[in-house]
Amino acid sequence: MKILNSFNLKPEQRQVLEKAGHVVIDDNQLDQATAQQIDVVYGWHDQSAQVNFDHLRFVQAISAGVDYLPLADFAKHQVLLANTSGIHAEPIAEYVLGVLFTISRGILPPVRAGRQMWTFRQQRPPMTLLKGQTAVIFGTGHIGSTIATKLHALGLHTLGVSAHGRPAAGFEEVVTDANAHTAAQNADILINALPLTSATKHFYNSEFFSGLQNQPLFINIGRGASVDTPALVQALQTQQLRAAALDVVDPEPLPQDSPLWDMDNVLLTPHISGTVPHLRDQVFKIFNDNLQSLIASGQLASHQVDLSRGY
């Protein structure tokens, strides 16, 4: 098969593919004629869209979320798509723990104060204990479940919200999207781990925030566009939310004139929570297993995306 390398193959990984009889073309070497012959795309860049979708059989994304890909075109041309759901779960869960401790234990204000930090020795910032608090996690897949498991071990109550409402590891209870607003009302912590679809775009809007009764902390490690940013700003300004930790925002990069930059109760990071040690090794294993399965049976071994649902 002709494989378009739109990610970053290690030399030894390239050798594995070539030894199996595949031809590997880097996307910066793609010409119009070769684009018509590509069978498989590993990763996805702007150049990847030049391929002939009628000839294309399989795309291996390097991320869990696939909202940035042309899903409708894949469905129309019966292109199989796999993601890397699961490999980002542990790093993201540890990120969530990090921001929870940073905010709940009053670490953020003195860090920002720099040399003036000693003023907080006498006039201490608000601090809370996590044990006994209720965390509502939207999305109960690999990421949401891993977060819930860690929070539950720390003594938090964990409530999940998903489209199907099925039980999931780490959660005391899981409810459906129809009960999302009720579930969120009395939460101490809200965590977004939803995939971005037409149903979840601006899921967190003015109506959602206005129903909150407990001034929760809002953490977003899902997708920025799941949040109506002006509504989030207003919720923080009116103390419907006590604070927010945002690894993803809408748009990205966050505009320099966004009010979020100047809010003392907002922790911003540049979409780094899912950083995975040895990422290339983990992604390649999923890809190579899927490639071998595709050749043997016409099907993928794992991580296949339901193109109609977007995840």
C-alpha atoms as a PDB file:
ATOM      1  CA  MET A   1       0.000   0.000   0.000  1.00  0.00           C
ATOM      2  CA  LYS A   2       1.022   3.611  -0.535  1.00  0.00           C
ATOM      3  CA  ILE A   3       1.063   5.386   2.822  1.00  0.00           C
ATOM      4  CA  LEU A   4       1.120   9.149   3.178  1.00  0.00           C
ATOM      5  CA  ASN A   5       3.150  10.032   6.264  1.00  0.00           C
ATOM      6  CA  SER A   6       1.539  13.144   7.719  1.00  0.00           C
ATOM      7  CA  PHE A   7       2.825  12.549  11.240  1.00  0.00           C
ATOM      8  CA  ASN A   8       6.396  11.794  12.280  1.00  0.00           C
ATOM      9  CA  LEU A   9       7.616   8.259  11.701  1.00  0.00           C
ATOM     10  CA  LYS A  10      10.762   7.118  13.418  1.00  0.00           C
ATOM     11  CA  PRO A  11      13.360   5.600  11.052  1.00  0.00           C
ATOM     12  CA  GLU A  12      12.807   2.145  12.535  1.00  0.00           C
ATOM     13  CA  GLN A  13       9.027   2.523  12.088  1.00  0.00           C
ATOM     14  CA  ARG A  14       9.492   3.452   8.461  1.00  0.00           C
ATOM     15  CA  GLN A  15      11.646   0.363   8.049  1.00  0.00           C
ATOM     16  CA  VAL A  16       8.885  -1.830   9.504  1.00  0.00           C
ATOM     17  CA  LEU A  17       6.437  -0.502   6.932  1.00  0.00           C
ATOM     18  CA  GLU A  18       8.832  -0.751   3.999  1.00  0.00           C
ATOM     19  CA  LYS A  19       9.906  -4.261   4.992  1.00  0.00           C
ATOM     20  CA  ALA A  20       6.224  -5.249   4.861  1.00  0.00           C
ATOM     21  CA  GLY A  21       6.129  -4.037   1.244  1.00  0.00           C
ATOM     22  CA  HIS A  22       4.503  -0.637   1.756  1.00  0.00           C
ATOM     23  CA  VAL A  23       5.637   2.564   0.046  1.00  0.00           C
ATOM     24  CA  VAL A  24       5.916   5.523   2.435  1.00  0.00           C
ATOM     25  CA  ILE A  25       5.593   9.066   1.047  1.00  0.00           C
ATOM     26  CA  ASP A  26       6.188  12.084   3.285  1.00  0.00           C
ATOM     27  CA  ASP A  27       3.555  14.748   2.873  1.00  0.00           C
ATOM     28  CA  ASN A  28       6.116  17.382   1.916  1.00  0.00           C
ATOM     29  CA  GLN A  29       7.030  15.204  -1.083  1.00  0.00           C
ATOM     30  CA  LEU A  30       3.459  14.636  -2.251  1.00  0.00           C
ATOM     31  CA  ASP A  31       2.803  15.519  -5.894  1.00  0.00           C
ATOM     32  CA  GLN A  32      -0.473  15.549  -7.775  1.00  0.00           C
ATOM     33  CA  ALA A  33       0.038  12.191  -9.462  1.00  0.00           C
ATOM     34  CA  THR A  34       1.038  10.380  -6.260  1.00  0.00           C
ATOM     35  CA  ALA A  35      -1.871  11.951  -4.367  1.00  0.00           C
ATOM     36  CA  GLN A  36      -4.246  10.003  -6.600  1.00  0.00           C
ATOM     37  CA  GLN A  37      -2.665   6.704  -5.525  1.00  0.00           C
ATOM     38  CA  ILE A  38      -2.576   7.068  -1.724  1.00  0.00           C
ATOM     39  CA  ASP A  39      -4.259   4.183   0.117  1.00  0.00           C
ATOM     40  CA  VAL A  40      -3.580   5.164   3.708  1.00  0.00           C
ATOM     41  CA  VAL A  41      -2.883   8.422   5.549  1.00  0.00           C
ATOM     42  CA  TYR A  42      -0.963   8.372   8.827  1.00  0.00           C
ATOM     43  CA  GLY A  43      -1.802  11.571  10.683  1.00  0.00           C
ATOM     44  CA  TRP A  44      -3.371  14.550   8.910  1.00  0.00           C
ATOM     45  CA  HIS A  45      -2.067  17.876   7.592  1.00  0.00           C
ATOM     46  CA  ASP A  46      -3.391  20.337   5.039  1.00  0.00           C
ATOM     47  CA  GLN A  47      -1.530  18.411   2.329  1.00  0.00           C
ATOM     48  CA  SER A  48      -3.423  15.262   3.268  1.00  0.00           C
ATOM     49  CA  ALA A  49      -6.632  16.685   1.828  1.00  0.00           C
ATOM     50  CA  GLN A  50      -5.081  16.483  -1.672  1.00  0.00           C
ATOM     51  CA  VAL A  51      -5.481  12.704  -1.786  1.00  0.00           C
ATOM     52  CA  ASN A  52      -8.130  11.011  -3.920  1.00  0.00           C
ATOM     53  CA  PHE A  53     -10.836  10.027  -1.445  1.00  0.00           C
ATOM     54  CA  ASP A  54     -12.222   7.492  -3.937  1.00  0.00           C
ATOM     55  CA  HIS A  55      -8.912   5.604  -3.705  1.00  0.00           C
ATOM     56  CA  LEU A  56      -8.245   6.242  -0.011  1.00  0.00           C
ATOM     57  CA  ARG A  57      -9.063   3.346   2.335  1.00  0.00           C
ATOM     58  CA  PHE A  58      -7.892   4.291   5.833  1.00  0.00           C
ATOM     59  CA  VAL A  59      -6.845   7.311   7.898  1.00  0.00           C
ATOM     60  CA  GLN A  60      -5.115   6.956  11.261  1.00  0.00           C
ATOM     61  CA  ALA A  61      -5.568  10.088  13.337  1.00  0.00           C
ATOM     62  CA  ILE A  62      -3.014  10.834  16.062  1.00  0.00           C
ATOM     63  CA  SER A  63      -5.558  12.326  18.462  1.00  0.00           C
ATOM     64  CA  ALA A  64      -8.617  11.167  20.379  1.00  0.00           C
ATOM     65  CA  GLY A  65     -10.804  13.951  18.985  1.00  0.00           C
ATOM     66  CA  VAL A  66     -11.388  13.945  15.226  1.00  0.00           C
ATOM     67  CA  ASP A  67     -13.592  17.023  14.772  1.00  0.00           C
ATOM     68  CA  TYR A  68     -10.909  18.696  12.623  1.00  0.00           C
ATOM     69  CA  LEU A  69     -11.120  15.978   9.948  1.00  0.00           C
ATOM     70  CA  PRO A  70     -13.473  15.874   6.918  1.00  0.00           C
ATOM     71  CA  LEU A  71     -15.748  13.242   8.430  1.00  0.00           C
ATOM     72  CA  ALA A  72     -18.561  13.726   5.921  1.00  0.00           C
ATOM     73  CA  ASP A  73     -16.142  13.104   3.035  1.00  0.00           C
ATOM     74  CA  PHE A  74     -14.805  10.000   4.740  1.00  0.00           C
ATOM     75  CA  ALA A  75     -18.330   8.673   5.188  1.00  0.00           C
ATOM     76  CA  LYS A  76     -19.281   9.461   1.599  1.00  0.00           C
ATOM     77  CA  HIS A  77     -16.252   7.600   0.247  1.00  0.00           C
ATOM     78  CA  GLN A  78     -16.330   4.804   2.849  1.00  0.00           C
ATOM     79  CA  VAL A  79     -12.923   5.690   4.262  1.00  0.00           C
ATOM     80  CA  LEU A  80     -12.175   3.978   7.572  1.00  0.00           C
ATOM     81  CA  LEU A  81     -10.949   6.251  10.365  1.00  0.00           C
ATOM     82  CA  ALA A  82      -9.229   5.352  13.634  1.00  0.00           C
ATOM     83  CA  ASN A  83      -8.299   7.641  16.494  1.00  0.00           C
ATOM     84  CA  THR A  84      -5.961   7.149  19.456  1.00  0.00           C
ATOM     85  CA  SER A  85      -8.597   7.257  22.170  1.00  0.00           C
ATOM     86  CA  GLY A  86      -7.160   6.089  25.476  1.00  0.00           C
ATOM     87  CA  ILE A  87      -3.490   6.989  25.140  1.00  0.00           C
ATOM     88  CA  HIS A  88      -4.129  10.553  26.339  1.00  0.00           C
ATOM     89  CA  ALA A  89      -6.269   9.540  29.323  1.00  0.00           C
ATOM     90  CA  GLU A  90      -3.549   9.231  31.965  1.00  0.00           C
ATOM     91  CA  PRO A  91      -1.740  12.499  31.118  1.00  0.00           C
ATOM     92  CA  ILE A  92      -5.018  14.430  30.984  1.00  0.00           C
ATOM     93  CA  ALA A  93      -6.192  12.946  34.280  1.00  0.00           C
ATOM     94  CA  GLU A  94      -2.934  13.995  35.929  1.00  0.00           C
ATOM     95  CA  TYR A  95      -3.340  17.490  34.450  1.00  0.00           C
ATOM     96  CA  VAL A  96      -6.804  17.686  36.024  1.00  0.00           C
ATOM     97  CA  LEU A  97      -5.342  16.680  39.393  1.00  0.00           C
ATOM     98  CA  GLY A  98      -2.672  19.332  38.994  1.00  0.00           C
ATOM     99  CA  VAL A  99      -5.072  22.199  38.348  1.00  0.00           C
ATOM    100  CA  LEU A 100      -7.443  20.992  41.059  1.00  0.00           C
ATOM    101  CA  PHE A 101      -4.690  21.095  43.676  1.00  0.00           C
ATOM    102  CA  THR A 102      -3.334  24.388  42.315  1.00  0.00           C
ATOM    103  CA  ILE A 103      -6.701  26.098  42.657  1.00  0.00           C
ATOM    104  CA  SER A 104      -8.165  24.360  45.702  1.00  0.00           C
ATOM    105  CA  ARG A 105      -5.027  24.782  47.844  1.00  0.00           C
ATOM    106  CA  GLY A 106      -4.498  28.444  47.009  1.00  0.00           C
ATOM    107  CA  ILE A 107      -1.282  27.932  45.052  1.00  0.00           C
ATOM    108  CA  LEU A 108      -2.172  30.103  42.064  1.00  0.00           C
ATOM    109  CA  PRO A 109      -2.329  33.580  43.732  1.00  0.00           C
ATOM    110  CA  PRO A 110       1.114  33.453  45.406  1.00  0.00           C
ATOM    111  CA  VAL A 111       2.724  32.032  42.280  1.00  0.00           C
ATOM    112  CA  ARG A 112       1.326  34.957  40.283  1.00  0.00           C
ATOM    113  CA  ALA A 113       2.366  37.429  42.989  1.00  0.00           C
ATOM    114  CA  GLY A 114       6.041  36.550  42.578  1.00  0.00           C
ATOM    115  CA  ARG A 115       8.197  38.474  45.053  1.00  0.00           C
ATOM    116  CA  GLN A 116       5.067  39.852  46.726  1.00  0.00           C
ATOM    117  CA  MET A 117       3.893  36.348  47.637  1.00  0.00           C
ATOM    118  CA  TRP A 118       4.580  36.802  51.359  1.00  0.00           C
ATOM    119  CA  THR A 119       1.499  39.019  51.667  1.00  0.00           C
ATOM    120  CA  PHE A 120      -0.509  35.800  51.390  1.00  0.00           C
ATOM    121  CA  ARG A 121       1.117  34.505  54.600  1.00  0.00           C
ATOM    122  CA  GLN A 122      -1.254  36.678  56.627  1.00  0.00           C
ATOM    123  CA  GLN A 123      -4.097  37.238  54.177  1.00  0.00           C
ATOM    124  CA  ARG A 124      -4.420  33.770  52.730  1.00  0.00           C
ATOM    125  CA  PRO A 125      -6.283  33.003  49.503  1.00  0.00           C
ATOM    126  CA  PRO A 126      -9.443  30.883  49.723  1.00  0.00           C
ATOM    127  CA  MET A 127      -8.619  27.197  50.164  1.00  0.00           C
ATOM    128  CA  THR A 128     -10.779  24.096  50.107  1.00  0.00           C
ATOM    129  CA  LEU A 129     -10.323  20.363  50.584  1.00  0.00           C
ATOM    130  CA  LEU A 130     -11.225  18.115  47.680  1.00  0.00           C
ATOM    131  CA  LYS A 131     -12.394  15.214  49.834  1.00  0.00           C
ATOM    132  CA  GLY A 132     -16.179  15.073  49.943  1.00  0.00           C
ATOM    133  CA  GLN A 133     -16.716  17.407  46.998  1.00  0.00           C
ATOM    134  CA  THR A 134     -18.859  16.417  44.033  1.00  0.00           C
ATOM    135  CA  ALA A 135     -17.287  16.346  40.581  1.00  0.00           C
ATOM    136  CA  VAL A 136     -19.554  16.107  37.548  1.00  0.00           C
ATOM    137  CA  ILE A 137     -17.671  14.878  34.490  1.00  0.00           C
ATOM    138  CA  PHE A 138     -19.186  15.307  31.048  1.00  0.00           C
ATOM    139  CA  GLY A 139     -17.969  12.434  28.903  1.00  0.00           C
ATOM    140  CA  THR A 140     -17.433   8.951  30.362  1.00  0.00           C
ATOM    141  CA  GLY A 141     -15.025   7.480  27.802  1.00  0.00           C
ATOM    142  CA  HIS A 142     -11.368   6.650  28.450  1.00  0.00           C
ATOM    143  CA  ILE A 143     -10.482  10.175  29.552  1.00  0.00           C
ATOM    144  CA  GLY A 144     -13.537  10.848  31.676  1.00  0.00           C
ATOM    145  CA  SER A 145     -13.359   7.438  33.321  1.00  0.00           C
ATOM    146  CA  THR A 146      -9.659   7.796  34.169  1.00  0.00           C
ATOM    147  CA  ILE A 147     -10.289  11.223  35.714  1.00  0.00           C
ATOM    148  CA  ALA A 148     -13.231   9.849  37.704  1.00  0.00           C
ATOM    149  CA  THR A 149     -11.190   6.926  39.023  1.00  0.00           C
ATOM    150  CA  LYS A 150      -8.461   9.215  40.345  1.00  0.00           C
ATOM    151  CA  LEU A 151     -10.926  11.668  41.887  1.00  0.00           C
ATOM    152  CA  HIS A 152     -12.902   8.896  43.531  1.00  0.00           C
ATOM    153  CA  ALA A 153      -9.692   7.565  45.093  1.00  0.00           C
ATOM    154  CA  LEU A 154      -9.188  11.009  46.654  1.00  0.00           C
ATOM    155  CA  GLY A 155     -12.604  10.864  48.287  1.00  0.00           C
ATOM    156  CA  LEU A 156     -14.637  12.897  45.813  1.00  0.00           C
ATOM    157  CA  HIS A 157     -18.114  11.924  44.666  1.00  0.00           C
ATOM    158  CA  THR A 158     -18.104  11.346  40.917  1.00  0.00           C
ATOM    159  CA  LEU A 159     -21.119  11.758  38.664  1.00  0.00           C
ATOM    160  CA  GLY A 160     -20.857  11.150  34.917  1.00  0.00           C
ATOM    161  CA  VAL A 161     -22.899  12.551  32.045  1.00  0.00           C
ATOM    162  CA  SER A 162     -22.964  10.812  28.666  1.00  0.00           C
ATOM    163  CA  ALA A 163     -25.213  10.386  25.652  1.00  0.00           C
ATOM    164  CA  HIS A 164     -26.056   6.795  26.605  1.00  0.00           C
ATOM    165  CA  GLY A 165     -26.040   6.962  30.417  1.00  0.00           C
ATOM    166  CA  ARG A 166     -24.382   3.562  30.790  1.00  0.00           C
ATOM    167  CA  PRO A 167     -22.335   2.778  33.935  1.00  0.00           C
ATOM    168  CA  ALA A 168     -18.608   3.471  33.584  1.00  0.00           C
ATOM    169  CA  ALA A 169     -15.538   2.804  35.717  1.00  0.00           C
ATOM    170  CA  GLY A 170     -14.817   5.428  38.370  1.00  0.00           C
ATOM    171  CA  PHE A 171     -18.340   6.857  38.487  1.00  0.00           C
ATOM    172  CA  GLU A 172     -20.814   6.421  41.309  1.00  0.00           C
ATOM    173  CA  GLU A 173     -23.568   7.223  38.842  1.00  0.00           C
ATOM    174  CA  VAL A 174     -23.903   8.064  35.156  1.00  0.00           C
ATOM    175  CA  VAL A 175     -26.865   9.987  33.732  1.00  0.00           C
ATOM    176  CA  THR A 176     -27.818  10.927  30.184  1.00  0.00           C
ATOM    177  CA  ASP A 177     -27.438  14.300  28.500  1.00  0.00           C
ATOM    178  CA  ALA A 178     -31.122  14.941  29.144  1.00  0.00           C
ATOM    179  CA  ASN A 179     -30.294  15.211  32.858  1.00  0.00           C
ATOM    180  CA  ALA A 180     -27.136  17.284  32.381  1.00  0.00           C
ATOM    181  CA  HIS A 181     -28.483  20.533  33.826  1.00  0.00           C
ATOM    182  CA  THR A 182     -29.918  18.802  36.898  1.00  0.00           C
ATOM    183  CA  ALA A 183     -26.660  16.951  37.471  1.00  0.00           C
ATOM    184  CA  ALA A 184     -24.612  20.151  37.236  1.00  0.00           C
ATOM    185  CA  GLN A 185     -26.747  22.266  39.568  1.00  0.00           C
ATOM    186  CA  ASN A 186     -25.084  21.340  42.848  1.00  0.00           C
ATOM    187  CA  ALA A 187     -21.649  20.340  41.571  1.00  0.00           C
ATOM    188  CA  ASP A 188     -18.480  21.639  43.198  1.00  0.00           C
ATOM    189  CA  ILE A 189     -16.402  20.805  40.124  1.00  0.00           C
ATOM    190  CA  LEU A 190     -17.449  20.568  36.463  1.00  0.00           C
ATOM    191  CA  ILE A 191     -15.129  18.849  33.988  1.00  0.00           C
ATOM    192  CA  ASN A 192     -15.664  18.828  30.229  1.00  0.00           C
ATOM    193  CA  ALA A 193     -14.320  15.722  28.490  1.00  0.00           C
ATOM    194  CA  LEU A 194     -16.878  15.638  25.676  1.00  0.00           C
ATOM    195  CA  PRO A 195     -15.920  15.158  22.022  1.00  0.00           C
ATOM    196  CA  LEU A 196     -16.855  18.060  19.763  1.00  0.00           C
ATOM    197  CA  THR A 197     -19.891  17.276  17.628  1.00  0.00           C
ATOM    198  CA  SER A 198     -22.828  19.284  16.362  1.00  0.00           C
ATOM    199  CA  ALA A 199     -24.660  18.297  19.553  1.00  0.00           C
ATOM    200  CA  THR A 200     -21.873  19.449  21.907  1.00  0.00           C
ATOM    201  CA  LYS A 201     -20.901  22.728  20.215  1.00  0.00           C
ATOM    202  CA  HIS A 202     -21.626  25.529  22.728  1.00  0.00           C
ATOM    203  CA  PHE A 203     -23.067  22.930  25.097  1.00  0.00           C
ATOM    204  CA  TYR A 204     -21.872  25.163  27.940  1.00  0.00           C
ATOM    205  CA  ASN A 205     -23.821  28.342  27.250  1.00  0.00           C
ATOM    206  CA  SER A 206     -25.617  31.061  29.197  1.00  0.00           C
ATOM    207  CA  GLU A 207     -28.546  28.773  29.948  1.00  0.00           C
ATOM    208  CA  PHE A 208     -26.212  26.117  31.322  1.00  0.00           C
ATOM    209  CA  PHE A 209     -24.224  28.497  33.519  1.00  0.00           C
ATOM    210  CA  SER A 210     -27.297  30.313  34.826  1.00  0.00           C
ATOM    211  CA  GLY A 211     -28.597  27.044  36.296  1.00  0.00           C
ATOM    212  CA  LEU A 212     -25.568  26.498  38.536  1.00  0.00           C
ATOM    213  CA  GLN A 213     -26.218  26.916  42.250  1.00  0.00           C
ATOM    214  CA  ASN A 214     -22.896  26.111  43.912  1.00  0.00           C
ATOM    215  CA  GLN A 215     -20.339  28.361  42.157  1.00  0.00           C
ATOM    216  CA  PRO A 216     -18.326  25.383  40.863  1.00  0.00           C
ATOM    217  CA  LEU A 217     -14.856  25.254  39.379  1.00  0.00           C
ATOM    218  CA  PHE A 218     -15.030  24.624  35.623  1.00  0.00           C
ATOM    219  CA  ILE A 219     -12.262  22.599  33.938  1.00  0.00           C
ATOM    220  CA  ASN A 220     -12.109  22.169  30.161  1.00  0.00           C
ATOM    221  CA  ILE A 221      -9.822  19.489  28.739  1.00  0.00           C
ATOM    222  CA  GLY A 222     -12.228  18.513  25.940  1.00  0.00           C
ATOM    223  CA  ARG A 223     -12.706  20.947  23.093  1.00  0.00           C
ATOM    224  CA  GLY A 224     -12.788  24.738  23.247  1.00  0.00           C
ATOM    225  CA  ALA A 225     -15.821  25.076  20.980  1.00  0.00           C
ATOM    226  CA  SER A 226     -17.961  23.082  23.421  1.00  0.00           C
ATOM    227  CA  VAL A 227     -18.012  26.327  25.416  1.00  0.00           C
ATOM    228  CA  ASP A 228     -19.676  29.599  24.430  1.00  0.00           C
ATOM    229  CA  THR A 229     -16.720  31.790  25.401  1.00  0.00           C
ATOM    230  CA  PRO A 230     -18.654  35.057  26.025  1.00  0.00           C
ATOM    231  CA  ALA A 231     -21.071  33.081  28.227  1.00  0.00           C
ATOM    232  CA  LEU A 232     -18.116  31.621  30.147  1.00  0.00           C
ATOM    233  CA  VAL A 233     -16.630  35.091  30.675  1.00  0.00           C
ATOM    234  CA  GLN A 234     -19.957  36.346  31.985  1.00  0.00           C
ATOM    235  CA  ALA A 235     -20.341  33.341  34.286  1.00  0.00           C
ATOM    236  CA  LEU A 236     -16.928  34.084  35.800  1.00  0.00           C
ATOM    237  CA  GLN A 237     -17.631  37.813  36.109  1.00  0.00           C
ATOM    238  CA  THR A 238     -20.977  37.202  37.833  1.00  0.00           C
ATOM    239  CA  GLN A 239     -19.543  34.438  40.049  1.00  0.00           C
ATOM    240  CA  GLN A 240     -21.779  31.740  38.642  1.00  0.00           C
ATOM    241  CA  LEU A 241     -18.403  30.004  38.428  1.00  0.00           C
ATOM    242  CA  ARG A 242     -15.797  30.523  41.134  1.00  0.00           C
ATOM    243  CA  ALA A 243     -12.910  29.748  38.805  1.00  0.00           C
ATOM    244  CA  ALA A 244     -11.944  28.057  35.546  1.00  0.00           C
ATOM    245  CA  ALA A 245      -8.979  25.995  34.346  1.00  0.00           C
ATOM    246  CA  LEU A 246      -8.875  25.974  30.561  1.00  0.00           C
ATOM    247  CA  ASP A 247      -6.474  23.875  28.527  1.00  0.00           C
ATOM    248  CA  VAL A 248      -8.628  24.394  25.434  1.00  0.00           C
ATOM    249  CA  VAL A 249     -10.380  27.578  24.353  1.00  0.00           C
ATOM    250  CA  ASP A 250     -12.342  28.932  21.424  1.00  0.00           C
ATOM    251  CA  PRO A 251     -10.744  30.216  19.323  1.00  0.00           C
ATOM    252  CA  GLU A 252      -7.198  28.925  19.596  1.00  0.00           C
ATOM    253  CA  PRO A 253      -4.900  30.723  20.058  1.00  0.00           C
ATOM    254  CA  LEU A 254      -6.919  32.841  22.480  1.00  0.00           C
ATOM    255  CA  PRO A 255      -7.091  36.457  21.173  1.00  0.00           C
ATOM    256  CA  GLN A 256      -4.839  38.868  23.037  1.00  0.00           C
ATOM    257  CA  ASP A 257      -7.808  41.065  23.944  1.00  0.00           C
ATOM    258  CA  SER A 258      -9.802  38.247  25.561  1.00  0.00           C
ATOM    259  CA  PRO A 259     -10.953  39.135  29.106  1.00  0.00           C
ATOM    260  CA  LEU A 260      -9.868  35.648  30.209  1.00  0.00           C
ATOM    261  CA  TRP A 261      -6.203  36.729  30.198  1.00  0.00           C
ATOM    262  CA  ASP A 262      -6.760  39.244  32.994  1.00  0.00           C
ATOM    263  CA  MET A 263      -8.987  37.204  35.308  1.00  0.00           C
ATOM    264  CA  ASP A 264      -7.352  36.191  38.576  1.00  0.00           C
ATOM    265  CA  ASN A 265      -9.664  33.188  38.849  1.00  0.00           C
ATOM    266  CA  VAL A 266      -8.701  31.699  35.486  1.00  0.00           C
ATOM    267  CA  LEU A 267      -5.821  29.294  34.831  1.00  0.00           C
ATOM    268  CA  LEU A 268      -4.913  29.034  31.148  1.00  0.00           C
ATOM    269  CA  THR A 269      -2.643  26.505  29.444  1.00  0.00           C
ATOM    270  CA  PRO A 270      -1.969  26.148  25.688  1.00  0.00           C
ATOM    271  CA  HIS A 271      -3.672  22.806  24.854  1.00  0.00           C
ATOM    272  CA  ILE A 272      -0.966  20.691  26.491  1.00  0.00           C
ATOM    273  CA  SER A 273      -2.870  18.439  28.897  1.00  0.00           C
ATOM    274  CA  GLY A 274      -2.810  15.422  26.570  1.00  0.00           C
ATOM    275  CA  THR A 275       0.942  15.407  26.009  1.00  0.00           C
ATOM    276  CA  VAL A 276       1.978  11.751  25.961  1.00  0.00           C
ATOM    277  CA  PRO A 277       5.471  10.398  26.692  1.00  0.00           C
ATOM    278  CA  HIS A 278       6.650   8.217  23.801  1.00  0.00           C
ATOM    279  CA  LEU A 279       3.705   9.417  21.693  1.00  0.00           C
ATOM    280  CA  ARG A 280       5.141   8.173  18.401  1.00  0.00           C
ATOM    281  CA  ASP A 281       5.548   4.641  19.742  1.00  0.00           C
ATOM    282  CA  GLN A 282       2.010   4.466  21.107  1.00  0.00           C
ATOM    283  CA  VAL A 283       0.394   5.885  17.982  1.00  0.00           C
ATOM    284  CA  PHE A 284       2.422   3.669  15.663  1.00  0.00           C
ATOM    285  CA  LYS A 285       1.357   0.503  17.476  1.00  0.00           C
ATOM    286  CA  ILE A 286      -2.313   1.392  16.982  1.00  0.00           C
ATOM    287  CA  PHE A 287      -1.662   2.319  13.358  1.00  0.00           C
ATOM    288  CA  ASN A 288       0.381  -0.757  12.458  1.00  0.00           C
ATOM    289  CA  ASP A 289      -2.088  -3.135  14.100  1.00  0.00           C
ATOM    290  CA  ASN A 290      -4.894  -1.485  12.166  1.00  0.00           C
ATOM    291  CA  LEU A 291      -2.943  -1.571   8.922  1.00  0.00           C
ATOM    292  CA  GLN A 292      -2.236  -5.284   9.236  1.00  0.00           C
ATOM    293  CA  SER A 293      -5.869  -5.981  10.082  1.00  0.00           C
ATOM    294  CA  LEU A 294      -7.049  -3.921   7.114  1.00  0.00           C
ATOM    295  CA  ILE A 295      -4.900  -5.967   4.751  1.00  0.00           C
ATOM    296  CA  ALA A 296      -5.974  -9.285   6.276  1.00  0.00           C
ATOM    297  CA  SER A 297      -9.698  -8.677   6.719  1.00  0.00           C
ATOM    298  CA  GLY A 298     -10.666  -5.277   5.335  1.00  0.00           C
ATOM    299  CA  GLN A 299     -11.489  -4.147   8.879  1.00  0.00           C
ATOM    300  CA  LEU A 300      -9.629  -2.217  11.571  1.00  0.00           C
ATOM    301  CA  ALA A 301      -8.348  -3.908  14.713  1.00  0.00           C
ATOM    302  CA  SER A 302      -9.254  -1.122  17.150  1.00  0.00           C
ATOM    303  CA  HIS A 303     -10.076   2.540  17.716  1.00  0.00           C
ATOM    304  CA  GLN A 304     -12.458   2.830  14.750  1.00  0.00           C
ATOM    305  CA  VAL A 305     -14.437   6.072  14.732  1.00  0.00           C
ATOM    306  CA  ASP A 306     -18.190   6.027  14.128  1.00  0.00           C
ATOM    307  CA  LEU A 307     -18.310   8.658  11.386  1.00  0.00           C
ATOM    308  CA  SER A 308     -22.006   9.347  11.932  1.00  0.00           C
ATOM    309  CA  ARG A 309     -21.396  10.219  15.595  1.00  0.00           C
ATOM    310  CA  GLY A 310     -17.983  11.838  15.255  1.00  0.00           C
ATOM    311  CA  TYR A 311     -16.220   9.737  17.887  1.00  0.00           C
END
